Amino acid sequence: MIRVLISIATILLVFVSYYLFKKQSIFFVLIEPSEKNQAFLQFSGVVYAFLAALGLLVIFFNQRMLAFLFLIVVILASTIFSISFAKKISSTKQ
């Protein structure tokens, strides 16, 4: 069961990473299209791609503690991205 849930999380990370890295025009509707924002989105995409690769290792080793740590790291990375993105959105509207 843990493998299935981590697999779903890893697939979602791959899709999010792809959109952040390659389909940035979707996000530029919400934030100003600048090189700084583009670099932010690309860096976030790379982080999510790394986490997806890490997820594949977690699936392979199939240990609860490793899966738990993986989920904590994904949640922290997602929180940092969300807060940073929200700040960029609010600074654009001012």
PDB file of N, CA and C in Angstrom:
ATOM      1  N   MET A   1       0.822  -1.200   0.000  1.00  0.00           N
ATOM      2  CA  MET A   1       0.000   0.000   0.000  1.00  0.00           C
ATOM      3  C   MET A   1       0.863   1.260   0.000  1.00  0.00           C
ATOM      4  N   ILE A   2       1.955   1.232   0.780  1.00  0.00           N
ATOM      5  CA  ILE A   2       2.850   2.387   0.820  1.00  0.00           C
ATOM      6  C   ILE A   2       3.470   2.622  -0.543  1.00  0.00           C
ATOM      7  N   ARG A   3       3.836   1.553  -1.214  1.00  0.00           N
ATOM      8  CA  ARG A   3       4.427   1.678  -2.552  1.00  0.00           C
ATOM      9  C   ARG A   3       3.464   2.356  -3.525  1.00  0.00           C
ATOM     10  N   VAL A   4       2.195   2.021  -3.443  1.00  0.00           N
ATOM     11  CA  VAL A   4       1.200   2.606  -4.349  1.00  0.00           C
ATOM     12  C   VAL A   4       1.069   4.105  -4.084  1.00  0.00           C
ATOM     13  N   LEU A   5       1.000   4.484  -2.830  1.00  0.00           N
ATOM     14  CA  LEU A   5       0.843   5.899  -2.490  1.00  0.00           C
ATOM     15  C   LEU A   5       2.086   6.706  -2.857  1.00  0.00           C
ATOM     16  N   ILE A   6       3.251   6.161  -2.614  1.00  0.00           N
ATOM     17  CA  ILE A   6       4.487   6.847  -2.999  1.00  0.00           C
ATOM     18  C   ILE A   6       4.590   6.924  -4.521  1.00  0.00           C
ATOM     19  N   SER A   7       4.120   5.898  -5.214  1.00  0.00           N
ATOM     20  CA  SER A   7       4.113   5.921  -6.684  1.00  0.00           C
ATOM     21  C   SER A   7       3.224   7.044  -7.205  1.00  0.00           C
ATOM     22  N   ILE A   8       2.055   7.206  -6.614  1.00  0.00           N
ATOM     23  CA  ILE A   8       1.153   8.291  -7.018  1.00  0.00           C
ATOM     24  C   ILE A   8       1.797   9.647  -6.746  1.00  0.00           C
ATOM     25  N   ALA A   9       2.425   9.801  -5.581  1.00  0.00           N
ATOM     26  CA  ALA A   9       3.101  11.056  -5.254  1.00  0.00           C
ATOM     27  C   ALA A   9       4.249  11.334  -6.221  1.00  0.00           C
ATOM     28  N   THR A  10       4.975  10.306  -6.596  1.00  0.00           N
ATOM     29  CA  THR A  10       6.090  10.464  -7.531  1.00  0.00           C
ATOM     30  C   THR A  10       5.595  10.863  -8.913  1.00  0.00           C
ATOM     31  N   ILE A  11       4.512  10.266  -9.362  1.00  0.00           N
ATOM     32  CA  ILE A  11       3.942  10.633 -10.665  1.00  0.00           C
ATOM     33  C   ILE A  11       3.475  12.088 -10.652  1.00  0.00           C
ATOM     34  N   LEU A  12       2.853  12.503  -9.563  1.00  0.00           N
ATOM     35  CA  LEU A  12       2.430  13.900  -9.441  1.00  0.00           C
ATOM     36  C   LEU A  12       3.632  14.841  -9.435  1.00  0.00           C
ATOM     37  N   LEU A  13       4.699  14.448  -8.772  1.00  0.00           N
ATOM     38  CA  LEU A  13       5.910  15.269  -8.767  1.00  0.00           C
ATOM     39  C   LEU A  13       6.500  15.415 -10.163  1.00  0.00           C
ATOM     40  N   VAL A  14       6.450  14.354 -10.951  1.00  0.00           N
ATOM     41  CA  VAL A  14       6.955  14.422 -12.326  1.00  0.00           C
ATOM     42  C   VAL A  14       6.128  15.410 -13.146  1.00  0.00           C
ATOM     43  N   PHE A  15       4.816  15.356 -13.027  1.00  0.00           N
ATOM     44  CA  PHE A  15       3.958  16.276 -13.774  1.00  0.00           C
ATOM     45  C   PHE A  15       4.163  17.723 -13.327  1.00  0.00           C
ATOM     46  N   VAL A  16       4.250  17.948 -12.040  1.00  0.00           N
ATOM     47  CA  VAL A  16       4.465  19.309 -11.532  1.00  0.00           C
ATOM     48  C   VAL A  16       5.827  19.823 -11.988  1.00  0.00           C
ATOM     49  N   SER A  17       6.819  18.964 -11.925  1.00  0.00           N
ATOM     50  CA  SER A  17       8.156  19.343 -12.368  1.00  0.00           C
ATOM     51  C   SER A  17       8.166  19.728 -13.846  1.00  0.00           C
ATOM     52  N   TYR A  18       7.484  18.961 -14.658  1.00  0.00           N
ATOM     53  CA  TYR A  18       7.419  19.256 -16.094  1.00  0.00           C
ATOM     54  C   TYR A  18       6.766  20.612 -16.345  1.00  0.00           C
ATOM     55  N   TYR A  19       5.668  20.871 -15.676  1.00  0.00           N
ATOM     56  CA  TYR A  19       4.976  22.142 -15.874  1.00  0.00           C
ATOM     57  C   TYR A  19       5.797  23.323 -15.366  1.00  0.00           C
ATOM     58  N   LEU A  20       6.496  23.159 -14.264  1.00  0.00           N
ATOM     59  CA  LEU A  20       7.326  24.246 -13.751  1.00  0.00           C
ATOM     60  C   LEU A  20       8.542  24.491 -14.625  1.00  0.00           C
ATOM     61  N   PHE A  21       9.066  23.445 -15.205  1.00  0.00           N
ATOM     62  CA  PHE A  21      10.298  23.579 -15.986  1.00  0.00           C
ATOM     63  C   PHE A  21      10.037  23.953 -17.440  1.00  0.00           C
ATOM     64  N   LYS A  22       9.011  23.390 -18.049  1.00  0.00           N
ATOM     65  CA  LYS A  22       8.794  23.580 -19.488  1.00  0.00           C
ATOM     66  C   LYS A  22       7.592  24.451 -19.843  1.00  0.00           C
ATOM     67  N   LYS A  23       6.543  24.422 -19.074  1.00  0.00           N
ATOM     68  CA  LYS A  23       5.301  25.139 -19.392  1.00  0.00           C
ATOM     69  C   LYS A  23       5.114  26.341 -18.478  1.00  0.00           C
ATOM     70  N   GLN A  24       6.096  27.211 -18.437  1.00  0.00           N
ATOM     71  CA  GLN A  24       6.068  28.330 -17.503  1.00  0.00           C
ATOM     72  C   GLN A  24       5.061  29.407 -17.883  1.00  0.00           C
ATOM     73  N   SER A  25       4.645  29.438 -19.118  1.00  0.00           N
ATOM     74  CA  SER A  25       3.693  30.472 -19.541  1.00  0.00           C
ATOM     75  C   SER A  25       2.373  30.371 -18.772  1.00  0.00           C
ATOM     76  N   ILE A  26       2.058  29.186 -18.287  1.00  0.00           N
ATOM     77  CA  ILE A  26       0.846  29.004 -17.484  1.00  0.00           C
ATOM     78  C   ILE A  26       0.942  29.819 -16.195  1.00  0.00           C
ATOM     79  N   PHE A  27       2.126  29.852 -15.607  1.00  0.00           N
ATOM     80  CA  PHE A  27       2.314  30.549 -14.338  1.00  0.00           C
ATOM     81  C   PHE A  27       2.489  32.051 -14.515  1.00  0.00           C
ATOM     82  N   PHE A  28       2.910  32.463 -15.707  1.00  0.00           N
ATOM     83  CA  PHE A  28       3.117  33.887 -15.943  1.00  0.00           C
ATOM     84  C   PHE A  28       1.806  34.651 -16.083  1.00  0.00           C
ATOM     85  N   VAL A  29       0.704  33.963 -16.059  1.00  0.00           N
ATOM     86  CA  VAL A  29      -0.597  34.632 -15.981  1.00  0.00           C
ATOM     87  C   VAL A  29      -0.767  35.214 -14.573  1.00  0.00           C
ATOM     88  N   LEU A  30      -0.183  34.554 -13.584  1.00  0.00           N
ATOM     89  CA  LEU A  30      -0.325  34.968 -12.188  1.00  0.00           C
ATOM     90  C   LEU A  30       0.805  35.867 -11.700  1.00  0.00           C
ATOM     91  N   ILE A  31       2.003  35.688 -12.263  1.00  0.00           N
ATOM     92  CA  ILE A  31       3.143  36.486 -11.833  1.00  0.00           C
ATOM     93  C   ILE A  31       3.758  37.187 -13.039  1.00  0.00           C
ATOM     94  N   GLU A  32       4.592  38.169 -12.740  1.00  0.00           N
ATOM     95  CA  GLU A  32       5.242  38.954 -13.795  1.00  0.00           C
ATOM     96  C   GLU A  32       6.270  38.096 -14.537  1.00  0.00           C
ATOM     97  N   PRO A  33       6.228  38.102 -15.869  1.00  0.00           N
ATOM     98  CA  PRO A  33       7.209  37.304 -16.625  1.00  0.00           C
ATOM     99  C   PRO A  33       8.578  37.994 -16.668  1.00  0.00           C
ATOM    100  N   SER A  34       9.432  37.655 -15.714  1.00  0.00           N
ATOM    101  CA  SER A  34      10.786  38.212 -15.671  1.00  0.00           C
ATOM    102  C   SER A  34      11.790  37.067 -15.575  1.00  0.00           C
ATOM    103  N   GLU A  35      13.052  37.401 -15.760  1.00  0.00           N
ATOM    104  CA  GLU A  35      14.084  36.361 -15.676  1.00  0.00           C
ATOM    105  C   GLU A  35      14.191  35.799 -14.258  1.00  0.00           C
ATOM    106  N   LYS A  36      13.976  36.647 -13.286  1.00  0.00           N
ATOM    107  CA  LYS A  36      14.034  36.204 -11.894  1.00  0.00           C
ATOM    108  C   LYS A  36      12.925  35.190 -11.599  1.00  0.00           C
ATOM    109  N   ASN A  37      11.718  35.483 -12.061  1.00  0.00           N
ATOM    110  CA  ASN A  37      10.602  34.555 -11.854  1.00  0.00           C
ATOM    111  C   ASN A  37      10.781  33.285 -12.672  1.00  0.00           C
ATOM    112  N   GLN A  38      11.336  33.418 -13.870  1.00  0.00           N
ATOM    113  CA  GLN A  38      11.589  32.240 -14.689  1.00  0.00           C
ATOM    114  C   GLN A  38      12.622  31.332 -14.014  1.00  0.00           C
ATOM    115  N   ALA A  39      13.655  31.937 -13.450  1.00  0.00           N
ATOM    116  CA  ALA A  39      14.666  31.148 -12.732  1.00  0.00           C
ATOM    117  C   ALA A  39      14.059  30.472 -11.509  1.00  0.00           C
ATOM    118  N   PHE A  40      13.164  31.167 -10.817  1.00  0.00           N
ATOM    119  CA  PHE A  40      12.476  30.586  -9.661  1.00  0.00           C
ATOM    120  C   PHE A  40      11.667  29.352 -10.071  1.00  0.00           C
ATOM    121  N   LEU A  41      10.920  29.472 -11.169  1.00  0.00           N
ATOM    122  CA  LEU A  41      10.109  28.342 -11.629  1.00  0.00           C
ATOM    123  C   LEU A  41      10.980  27.189 -12.098  1.00  0.00           C
ATOM    124  N   GLN A  42      12.076  27.494 -12.791  1.00  0.00           N
ATOM    125  CA  GLN A  42      12.963  26.426 -13.245  1.00  0.00           C
ATOM    126  C   GLN A  42      13.627  25.718 -12.069  1.00  0.00           C
ATOM    127  N   PHE A  43      14.071  26.481 -11.078  1.00  0.00           N
ATOM    128  CA  PHE A  43      14.688  25.870  -9.900  1.00  0.00           C
ATOM    129  C   PHE A  43      13.686  24.976  -9.176  1.00  0.00           C
ATOM    130  N   SER A  44      12.461  25.454  -9.045  1.00  0.00           N
ATOM    131  CA  SER A  44      11.426  24.645  -8.390  1.00  0.00           C
ATOM    132  C   SER A  44      11.153  23.372  -9.183  1.00  0.00           C
ATOM    133  N   GLY A  45      11.152  23.482 -10.499  1.00  0.00           N
ATOM    134  CA  GLY A  45      10.967  22.302 -11.342  1.00  0.00           C
ATOM    135  C   GLY A  45      12.069  21.285 -11.158  1.00  0.00           C
ATOM    136  N   VAL A  46      13.298  21.761 -11.031  1.00  0.00           N
ATOM    137  CA  VAL A  46      14.437  20.861 -10.807  1.00  0.00           C
ATOM    138  C   VAL A  46      14.326  20.192  -9.434  1.00  0.00           C
ATOM    139  N   VAL A  47      13.910  20.959  -8.435  1.00  0.00           N
ATOM    140  CA  VAL A  47      13.747  20.393  -7.087  1.00  0.00           C
ATOM    141  C   VAL A  47      12.690  19.294  -7.109  1.00  0.00           C
ATOM    142  N   TYR A  48      11.565  19.550  -7.768  1.00  0.00           N
ATOM    143  CA  TYR A  48      10.517  18.534  -7.837  1.00  0.00           C
ATOM    144  C   TYR A  48      10.956  17.321  -8.653  1.00  0.00           C
ATOM    145  N   ALA A  49      11.759  17.524  -9.694  1.00  0.00           N
ATOM    146  CA  ALA A  49      12.277  16.389 -10.467  1.00  0.00           C
ATOM    147  C   ALA A  49      13.220  15.547  -9.609  1.00  0.00           C
ATOM    148  N   PHE A  50      14.053  16.220  -8.810  1.00  0.00           N
ATOM    149  CA  PHE A  50      14.937  15.502  -7.899  1.00  0.00           C
ATOM    150  C   PHE A  50      14.132  14.700  -6.880  1.00  0.00           C
ATOM    151  N   LEU A  51      13.074  15.314  -6.362  1.00  0.00           N
ATOM    152  CA  LEU A  51      12.229  14.603  -5.397  1.00  0.00           C
ATOM    153  C   LEU A  51      11.526  13.416  -6.051  1.00  0.00           C
ATOM    154  N   ALA A  52      11.163  13.549  -7.321  1.00  0.00           N
ATOM    155  CA  ALA A  52      10.546  12.418  -8.031  1.00  0.00           C
ATOM    156  C   ALA A  52      11.551  11.276  -8.174  1.00  0.00           C
ATOM    157  N   ALA A  53      12.797  11.611  -8.494  1.00  0.00           N
ATOM    158  CA  ALA A  53      13.836  10.574  -8.587  1.00  0.00           C
ATOM    159  C   ALA A  53      14.074   9.934  -7.224  1.00  0.00           C
ATOM    160  N   LEU A  54      14.038  10.736  -6.191  1.00  0.00           N
ATOM    161  CA  LEU A  54      14.169  10.215  -4.840  1.00  0.00           C
ATOM    162  C   LEU A  54      12.990   9.297  -4.502  1.00  0.00           C
ATOM    163  N   GLY A  55      11.805   9.657  -4.999  1.00  0.00           N
ATOM    164  CA  GLY A  55      10.623   8.826  -4.794  1.00  0.00           C
ATOM    165  C   GLY A  55      10.775   7.448  -5.415  1.00  0.00           C
ATOM    166  N   LEU A  56      11.433   7.396  -6.569  1.00  0.00           N
ATOM    167  CA  LEU A  56      11.674   6.084  -7.193  1.00  0.00           C
ATOM    168  C   LEU A  56      12.563   5.214  -6.312  1.00  0.00           C
ATOM    169  N   LEU A  57      13.539   5.835  -5.682  1.00  0.00           N
ATOM    170  CA  LEU A  57      14.391   5.070  -4.756  1.00  0.00           C
ATOM    171  C   LEU A  57      13.604   4.601  -3.544  1.00  0.00           C
ATOM    172  N   VAL A  58      12.733   5.445  -3.050  1.00  0.00           N
ATOM    173  CA  VAL A  58      11.909   5.076  -1.892  1.00  0.00           C
ATOM    174  C   VAL A  58      11.004   3.898  -2.254  1.00  0.00           C
ATOM    175  N   ILE A  59      10.442   3.920  -3.456  1.00  0.00           N
ATOM    176  CA  ILE A  59       9.601   2.805  -3.905  1.00  0.00           C
ATOM    177  C   ILE A  59      10.425   1.513  -3.969  1.00  0.00           C
ATOM    178  N   PHE A  60      11.645   1.634  -4.473  1.00  0.00           N
ATOM    179  CA  PHE A  60      12.499   0.461  -4.631  1.00  0.00           C
ATOM    180  C   PHE A  60      12.876  -0.157  -3.286  1.00  0.00           C
ATOM    181  N   PHE A  61      13.241   0.687  -2.292  1.00  0.00           N
ATOM    182  CA  PHE A  61      13.678   0.165  -1.000  1.00  0.00           C
ATOM    183  C   PHE A  61      12.518  -0.270  -0.109  1.00  0.00           C
ATOM    184  N   ASN A  62      11.353   0.343  -0.269  1.00  0.00           N
ATOM    185  CA  ASN A  62      10.130  -0.079   0.410  1.00  0.00           C
ATOM    186  C   ASN A  62      10.287  -0.184   1.936  1.00  0.00           C
ATOM    187  N   GLN A  63      10.735   0.907   2.552  1.00  0.00           N
ATOM    188  CA  GLN A  63      10.831   0.964   4.010  1.00  0.00           C
ATOM    189  C   GLN A  63       9.948   2.089   4.521  1.00  0.00           C
ATOM    190  N   ARG A  64       9.252   1.825   5.599  1.00  0.00           N
ATOM    191  CA  ARG A  64       8.298   2.811   6.130  1.00  0.00           C
ATOM    192  C   ARG A  64       8.961   4.109   6.554  1.00  0.00           C
ATOM    193  N   MET A  65      10.067   4.007   7.274  1.00  0.00           N
ATOM    194  CA  MET A  65      10.727   5.205   7.777  1.00  0.00           C
ATOM    195  C   MET A  65      11.242   6.063   6.622  1.00  0.00           C
ATOM    196  N   LEU A  66      11.793   5.432   5.619  1.00  0.00           N
ATOM    197  CA  LEU A  66      12.270   6.149   4.438  1.00  0.00           C
ATOM    198  C   LEU A  66      11.107   6.825   3.709  1.00  0.00           C
ATOM    199  N   ALA A  67       9.986   6.133   3.604  1.00  0.00           N
ATOM    200  CA  ALA A  67       8.800   6.705   2.967  1.00  0.00           C
ATOM    201  C   ALA A  67       8.271   7.888   3.770  1.00  0.00           C
ATOM    202  N   PHE A  68       8.288   7.762   5.088  1.00  0.00           N
ATOM    203  CA  PHE A  68       7.843   8.846   5.948  1.00  0.00           C
ATOM    204  C   PHE A  68       8.731  10.079   5.794  1.00  0.00           C
ATOM    205  N   LEU A  69      10.042   9.872   5.790  1.00  0.00           N
ATOM    206  CA  LEU A  69      10.976  10.984   5.594  1.00  0.00           C
ATOM    207  C   LEU A  69      10.801  11.619   4.216  1.00  0.00           C
ATOM    208  N   PHE A  70      10.572  10.794   3.208  1.00  0.00           N
ATOM    209  CA  PHE A  70      10.338  11.301   1.862  1.00  0.00           C
ATOM    210  C   PHE A  70       9.104  12.200   1.827  1.00  0.00           C
ATOM    211  N   LEU A  71       8.033  11.756   2.450  1.00  0.00           N
ATOM    212  CA  LEU A  71       6.813  12.564   2.475  1.00  0.00           C
ATOM    213  C   LEU A  71       7.013  13.874   3.223  1.00  0.00           C
ATOM    214  N   ILE A  72       7.784  13.862   4.295  1.00  0.00           N
ATOM    215  CA  ILE A  72       8.071  15.095   5.024  1.00  0.00           C
ATOM    216  C   ILE A  72       8.860  16.066   4.152  1.00  0.00           C
ATOM    217  N   VAL A  73       9.859  15.559   3.436  1.00  0.00           N
ATOM    218  CA  VAL A  73      10.670  16.421   2.561  1.00  0.00           C
ATOM    219  C   VAL A  73       9.810  16.993   1.438  1.00  0.00           C
ATOM    220  N   VAL A  74       8.936  16.182   0.855  1.00  0.00           N
ATOM    221  CA  VAL A  74       8.049  16.664  -0.217  1.00  0.00           C
ATOM    222  C   VAL A  74       7.100  17.737   0.316  1.00  0.00           C
ATOM    223  N   ILE A  75       6.559  17.518   1.495  1.00  0.00           N
ATOM    224  CA  ILE A  75       5.648  18.506   2.085  1.00  0.00           C
ATOM    225  C   ILE A  75       6.381  19.810   2.375  1.00  0.00           C
ATOM    226  N   LEU A  76       7.597  19.726   2.895  1.00  0.00           N
ATOM    227  CA  LEU A  76       8.382  20.934   3.163  1.00  0.00           C
ATOM    228  C   LEU A  76       8.725  21.686   1.880  1.00  0.00           C
ATOM    229  N   ALA A  77       9.149  20.965   0.850  1.00  0.00           N
ATOM    230  CA  ALA A  77       9.469  21.604  -0.429  1.00  0.00           C
ATOM    231  C   ALA A  77       8.231  22.251  -1.032  1.00  0.00           C
ATOM    232  N   SER A  78       7.117  21.573  -0.932  1.00  0.00           N
ATOM    233  CA  SER A  78       5.865  22.110  -1.454  1.00  0.00           C
ATOM    234  C   SER A  78       5.427  23.353  -0.690  1.00  0.00           C
ATOM    235  N   THR A  79       5.617  23.345   0.616  1.00  0.00           N
ATOM    236  CA  THR A  79       5.265  24.505   1.438  1.00  0.00           C
ATOM    237  C   THR A  79       6.132  25.709   1.094  1.00  0.00           C
ATOM    238  N   ILE A  80       7.422  25.485   0.961  1.00  0.00           N
ATOM    239  CA  ILE A  80       8.334  26.578   0.617  1.00  0.00           C
ATOM    240  C   ILE A  80       7.979  27.155  -0.747  1.00  0.00           C
ATOM    241  N   PHE A  81       7.709  26.284  -1.726  1.00  0.00           N
ATOM    242  CA  PHE A  81       7.326  26.770  -3.048  1.00  0.00           C
ATOM    243  C   PHE A  81       6.018  27.548  -2.982  1.00  0.00           C
ATOM    244  N   SER A  82       5.047  27.032  -2.274  1.00  0.00           N
ATOM    245  CA  SER A  82       3.738  27.689  -2.199  1.00  0.00           C
ATOM    246  C   SER A  82       3.819  29.067  -1.557  1.00  0.00           C
ATOM    247  N   ILE A  83       4.572  29.183  -0.475  1.00  0.00           N
ATOM    248  CA  ILE A  83       4.707  30.474   0.193  1.00  0.00           C
ATOM    249  C   ILE A  83       5.454  31.465  -0.705  1.00  0.00           C
ATOM    250  N   SER A  84       6.523  31.013  -1.333  1.00  0.00           N
ATOM    251  CA  SER A  84       7.280  31.893  -2.235  1.00  0.00           C
ATOM    252  C   SER A  84       6.442  32.332  -3.424  1.00  0.00           C
ATOM    253  N   PHE A  85       5.683  31.406  -3.981  1.00  0.00           N
ATOM    254  CA  PHE A  85       4.836  31.732  -5.133  1.00  0.00           C
ATOM    255  C   PHE A  85       3.728  32.701  -4.727  1.00  0.00           C
ATOM    256  N   ALA A  86       3.163  32.509  -3.545  1.00  0.00           N
ATOM    257  CA  ALA A  86       2.123  33.417  -3.053  1.00  0.00           C
ATOM    258  C   ALA A  86       2.679  34.827  -2.855  1.00  0.00           C
ATOM    259  N   LYS A  87       3.921  34.932  -2.368  1.00  0.00           N
ATOM    260  CA  LYS A  87       4.543  36.248  -2.218  1.00  0.00           C
ATOM    261  C   LYS A  87       4.744  36.917  -3.574  1.00  0.00           C
ATOM    262  N   LYS A  88       5.120  36.135  -4.572  1.00  0.00           N
ATOM    263  CA  LYS A  88       5.308  36.692  -5.908  1.00  0.00           C
ATOM    264  C   LYS A  88       3.975  37.145  -6.500  1.00  0.00           C
ATOM    265  N   ILE A  89       2.924  36.418  -6.241  1.00  0.00           N
ATOM    266  CA  ILE A  89       1.596  36.818  -6.728  1.00  0.00           C
ATOM    267  C   ILE A  89       1.156  38.102  -6.044  1.00  0.00           C
ATOM    268  N   SER A  90       1.328  38.193  -4.732  1.00  0.00           N
ATOM    269  CA  SER A  90       0.874  39.384  -4.015  1.00  0.00           C
ATOM    270  C   SER A  90       1.714  40.606  -4.380  1.00  0.00           C
ATOM    271  N   SER A  91       2.997  40.427  -4.675  1.00  0.00           N
ATOM    272  CA  SER A  91       3.816  41.580  -5.066  1.00  0.00           C
ATOM    273  C   SER A  91       3.467  42.051  -6.480  1.00  0.00           C
ATOM    274  N   THR A  92       2.954  41.171  -7.314  1.00  0.00           N
ATOM    275  CA  THR A  92       2.545  41.538  -8.661  1.00  0.00           C
ATOM    276  C   THR A  92       1.279  42.384  -8.627  1.00  0.00           C
ATOM    277  N   LYS A  93       0.382  42.098  -7.711  1.00  0.00           N
ATOM    278  CA  LYS A  93      -0.881  42.806  -7.650  1.00  0.00           C
ATOM    279  C   LYS A  93      -0.774  44.185  -7.024  1.00  0.00           C
ATOM    280  N   GLN A  94       0.328  44.491  -6.357  1.00  0.00           N
ATOM    281  CA  GLN A  94       0.454  45.798  -5.697  1.00  0.00           C
ATOM    282  C   GLN A  94       0.892  46.861  -6.633  1.00  0.00           C
TER     283      GLN A  94
END
